[in-house]
Protein backbone atom coordinates (compact mmCIF):
# COMPACT_ATOMS: atom_id res chain seq x y z
CA MET A 1 -0.91 -19.39 -17.66
CA THR A 2 1.34 -22.39 -18.20
CA ASP A 3 5.07 -21.89 -17.89
CA ALA A 4 7.77 -23.73 -19.85
CA ALA A 5 7.66 -26.62 -17.36
CA GLY A 6 3.94 -27.05 -17.97
CA THR A 7 2.84 -25.98 -14.47
CA SER A 8 0.02 -23.58 -13.82
CA GLU A 9 0.77 -20.48 -11.73
CA PRO A 10 -1.79 -18.02 -10.34
CA GLN A 11 -1.79 -14.72 -12.14
CA ALA A 12 -1.73 -11.45 -10.22
CA GLY A 13 -4.68 -9.24 -11.06
CA PRO A 14 -7.06 -6.74 -9.63
CA ALA A 15 -8.20 -7.53 -6.11
CA VAL A 16 -11.85 -8.45 -5.70
CA SER A 17 -13.72 -6.54 -3.01
CA VAL A 18 -16.27 -8.32 -0.87
CA VAL A 19 -18.31 -6.43 1.75
CA GLY A 20 -20.40 -8.77 3.86
CA PRO A 21 -23.57 -8.11 5.83
CA GLY A 22 -22.89 -5.69 8.67
CA GLU A 23 -19.57 -4.60 7.15
CA GLY A 24 -18.65 -1.30 5.57
CA GLU A 25 -18.33 2.23 6.84
CA THR A 26 -21.46 3.70 8.46
CA ILE A 27 -22.42 7.33 7.89
CA THR A 28 -25.28 8.72 9.97
CA LEU A 29 -27.02 11.88 8.81
CA GLY A 30 -29.92 12.65 11.12
CA THR A 31 -32.52 9.92 10.60
CA THR A 32 -30.71 8.45 7.59
CA ARG A 33 -28.08 5.74 7.98
CA MET A 34 -25.77 4.93 5.08
CA ARG A 35 -23.60 1.84 4.80
CA VAL A 36 -20.78 2.48 2.37
CA LEU A 37 -20.26 -0.64 0.30
CA GLU A 38 -17.74 0.91 -2.10
CA ASP A 39 -16.39 4.42 -1.66
CA GLY A 40 -14.62 4.42 -5.02
CA SER A 41 -11.18 3.64 -3.60
CA ARG A 42 -11.20 0.14 -5.12
CA THR A 43 -12.70 1.18 -8.47
CA GLY A 44 -10.42 4.07 -9.36
CA HIS A 45 -13.43 6.22 -8.36
CA ARG A 46 -15.39 5.01 -11.39
CA LEU A 47 -18.18 3.83 -9.05
CA ALA A 48 -19.30 4.21 -5.43
CA VAL A 49 -22.17 2.27 -3.84
CA ALA A 50 -24.08 2.81 -0.59
CA GLU A 51 -27.07 1.27 1.11
CA SER A 52 -29.27 3.88 2.80
CA VAL A 53 -31.99 3.38 5.38
CA LEU A 54 -34.41 6.29 5.57
CA ALA A 55 -36.54 6.41 8.71
CA PRO A 56 -40.27 7.09 8.31
CA HIS A 57 -41.06 10.72 7.43
CA THR A 58 -37.44 11.56 6.55
CA GLU A 59 -36.93 14.64 4.45
CA GLY A 60 -34.20 14.38 1.89
CA PRO A 61 -31.70 16.97 0.73
CA PRO A 62 -32.81 20.19 -0.91
CA GLN A 63 -33.56 19.71 -4.60
CA HIS A 64 -30.21 19.85 -6.38
CA ARG A 65 -28.34 18.92 -9.54
CA HIS A 66 -24.95 17.32 -10.06
CA ALA A 67 -22.61 18.65 -12.73
CA ARG A 68 -20.31 15.65 -13.00
CA HIS A 69 -21.90 12.44 -11.83
CA ASP A 70 -24.81 10.11 -12.39
CA GLU A 71 -26.73 8.92 -9.38
CA GLY A 72 -28.76 5.73 -9.27
CA PHE A 73 -31.27 4.61 -6.65
CA TYR A 74 -32.62 1.06 -6.44
CA ILE A 75 -35.40 0.68 -3.88
CA LEU A 76 -34.92 -2.49 -1.82
CA SER A 77 -37.86 -2.02 0.54
CA GLY A 78 -40.43 0.59 1.46
CA SER A 79 -41.27 3.59 -0.68
CA VAL A 80 -39.23 6.67 -1.58
CA ARG A 81 -40.70 9.79 -3.18
CA PHE A 82 -38.42 11.32 -5.80
CA THR A 83 -39.12 14.88 -6.85
CA VAL A 84 -37.68 15.79 -10.22
CA GLY A 85 -38.38 19.42 -10.96
CA ASP A 86 -42.13 19.75 -10.31
CA HIS A 87 -42.94 16.05 -10.71
CA ASP A 88 -43.20 13.47 -7.91
CA HIS A 89 -42.47 9.80 -8.50
CA ASP A 90 -43.26 7.31 -5.73
CA ALA A 91 -40.76 4.48 -6.10
CA THR A 92 -41.46 1.17 -4.36
CA ALA A 93 -39.34 -1.96 -3.93
CA GLY A 94 -37.88 -3.12 -7.24
CA THR A 95 -37.83 0.36 -8.79
CA LEU A 96 -34.66 1.89 -10.24
CA VAL A 97 -34.34 5.67 -10.55
CA MET A 98 -31.38 6.98 -12.57
CA VAL A 99 -30.52 10.67 -12.35
CA PRO A 100 -28.11 12.02 -14.99
CA PRO A 101 -25.92 15.08 -14.50
CA GLY A 102 -27.91 18.31 -14.62
CA ALA A 103 -31.29 16.81 -13.63
CA PRO A 104 -32.86 18.55 -10.61
CA HIS A 105 -33.90 16.02 -7.97
CA THR A 106 -34.46 15.19 -4.35
CA PHE A 107 -35.99 12.30 -2.43
CA ALA A 108 -37.81 11.66 0.84
CA ASN A 109 -39.51 8.89 2.76
CA VAL A 110 -43.03 10.25 3.27
CA SER A 111 -44.41 6.91 4.52
CA ASP A 112 -44.88 5.43 7.99
CA GLU A 113 -42.36 2.64 7.29
CA PRO A 114 -38.57 2.69 6.87
CA ALA A 115 -37.26 2.64 3.31
CA VAL A 116 -34.03 1.03 2.13
CA MET A 117 -32.30 1.91 -1.12
CA LEU A 118 -29.07 1.09 -2.86
CA SER A 119 -27.40 4.16 -4.34
CA THR A 120 -24.70 4.33 -7.00
CA PHE A 121 -22.50 7.28 -7.87
CA THR A 122 -20.48 7.40 -11.09
CA PRO A 123 -17.82 8.61 -10.78
CA GLY A 124 -17.50 7.72 -7.13
CA LEU A 125 -16.01 10.91 -5.71
CA TYR A 126 -19.34 12.11 -4.21
CA MET A 127 -19.12 9.76 -1.21
CA GLN A 128 -16.88 12.31 0.51
CA TYR A 129 -19.82 14.77 0.51
CA PHE A 130 -21.66 12.50 2.95
CA ARG A 131 -18.57 12.19 5.14
CA ASP A 132 -18.29 15.99 5.19
CA LEU A 133 -21.91 16.32 6.35
CA GLN A 134 -21.40 13.72 9.06
CA ALA A 135 -18.28 15.57 10.29
CA LEU A 136 -20.20 18.84 10.37
CA LEU A 137 -22.92 17.26 12.53
CA ALA A 138 -20.35 15.51 14.75
CA ASP A 139 -18.74 18.89 15.45
CA GLY A 140 -22.09 20.05 16.82
CA ARG A 141 -22.76 22.43 13.96
CA PRO A 142 -26.31 22.50 12.58
CA LEU A 143 -26.94 21.28 9.07
CA THR A 144 -28.34 24.56 7.82
CA PRO A 145 -29.36 24.95 4.18
CA GLN A 146 -26.26 27.12 3.64
CA ALA A 147 -23.92 24.55 5.24
CA ASN A 148 -25.40 21.89 2.95
CA ILE A 149 -25.01 24.14 -0.12
CA ASP A 150 -21.39 24.86 0.85
CA ALA A 151 -20.65 21.12 1.15
CA MET A 152 -22.43 20.35 -2.15
CA SER A 153 -20.43 23.01 -3.99
CA ARG A 154 -17.18 21.17 -3.23
CA TYR A 155 -18.47 18.20 -5.27
CA GLY A 156 -19.90 19.83 -8.39
CA THR A 157 -23.42 20.05 -6.98
CA GLU A 158 -25.73 23.05 -6.66
CA PRO A 159 -29.27 23.75 -5.51
CA ALA A 160 -31.85 23.41 -8.28
């Protein structure tokens, strides 16, 4: 914007977030490591993004459905098996899987190689679920199916 004197002044606006390689919060859940790239705090919780590395032969969460958020999974490397209801979909690098609210789903790495995926959550309030699970494990409590269901229920998620 040019002021009356004809000079240009920088305009204040939303801050841009940049998360470089190796940066971001790390959440470890058993053999899965998540790197939080955006937890929603800089997007008004409209969006959260995480990179997840699933070790070979990693089981995913129990099949579940979300009431209030979409979940997206973009496979960066390896292969991830998505189970939607009774149907399996093997997603390889370059595949995008979008799960709308209400769709039953789970995922797992059934291969002998690690798999890496980028996950999105809209709105971005679900990231706290993963923090809750990590805290539960850090306290030495086992991640029983019931403990997982209890954590899910706090974020509009239920077993399918």
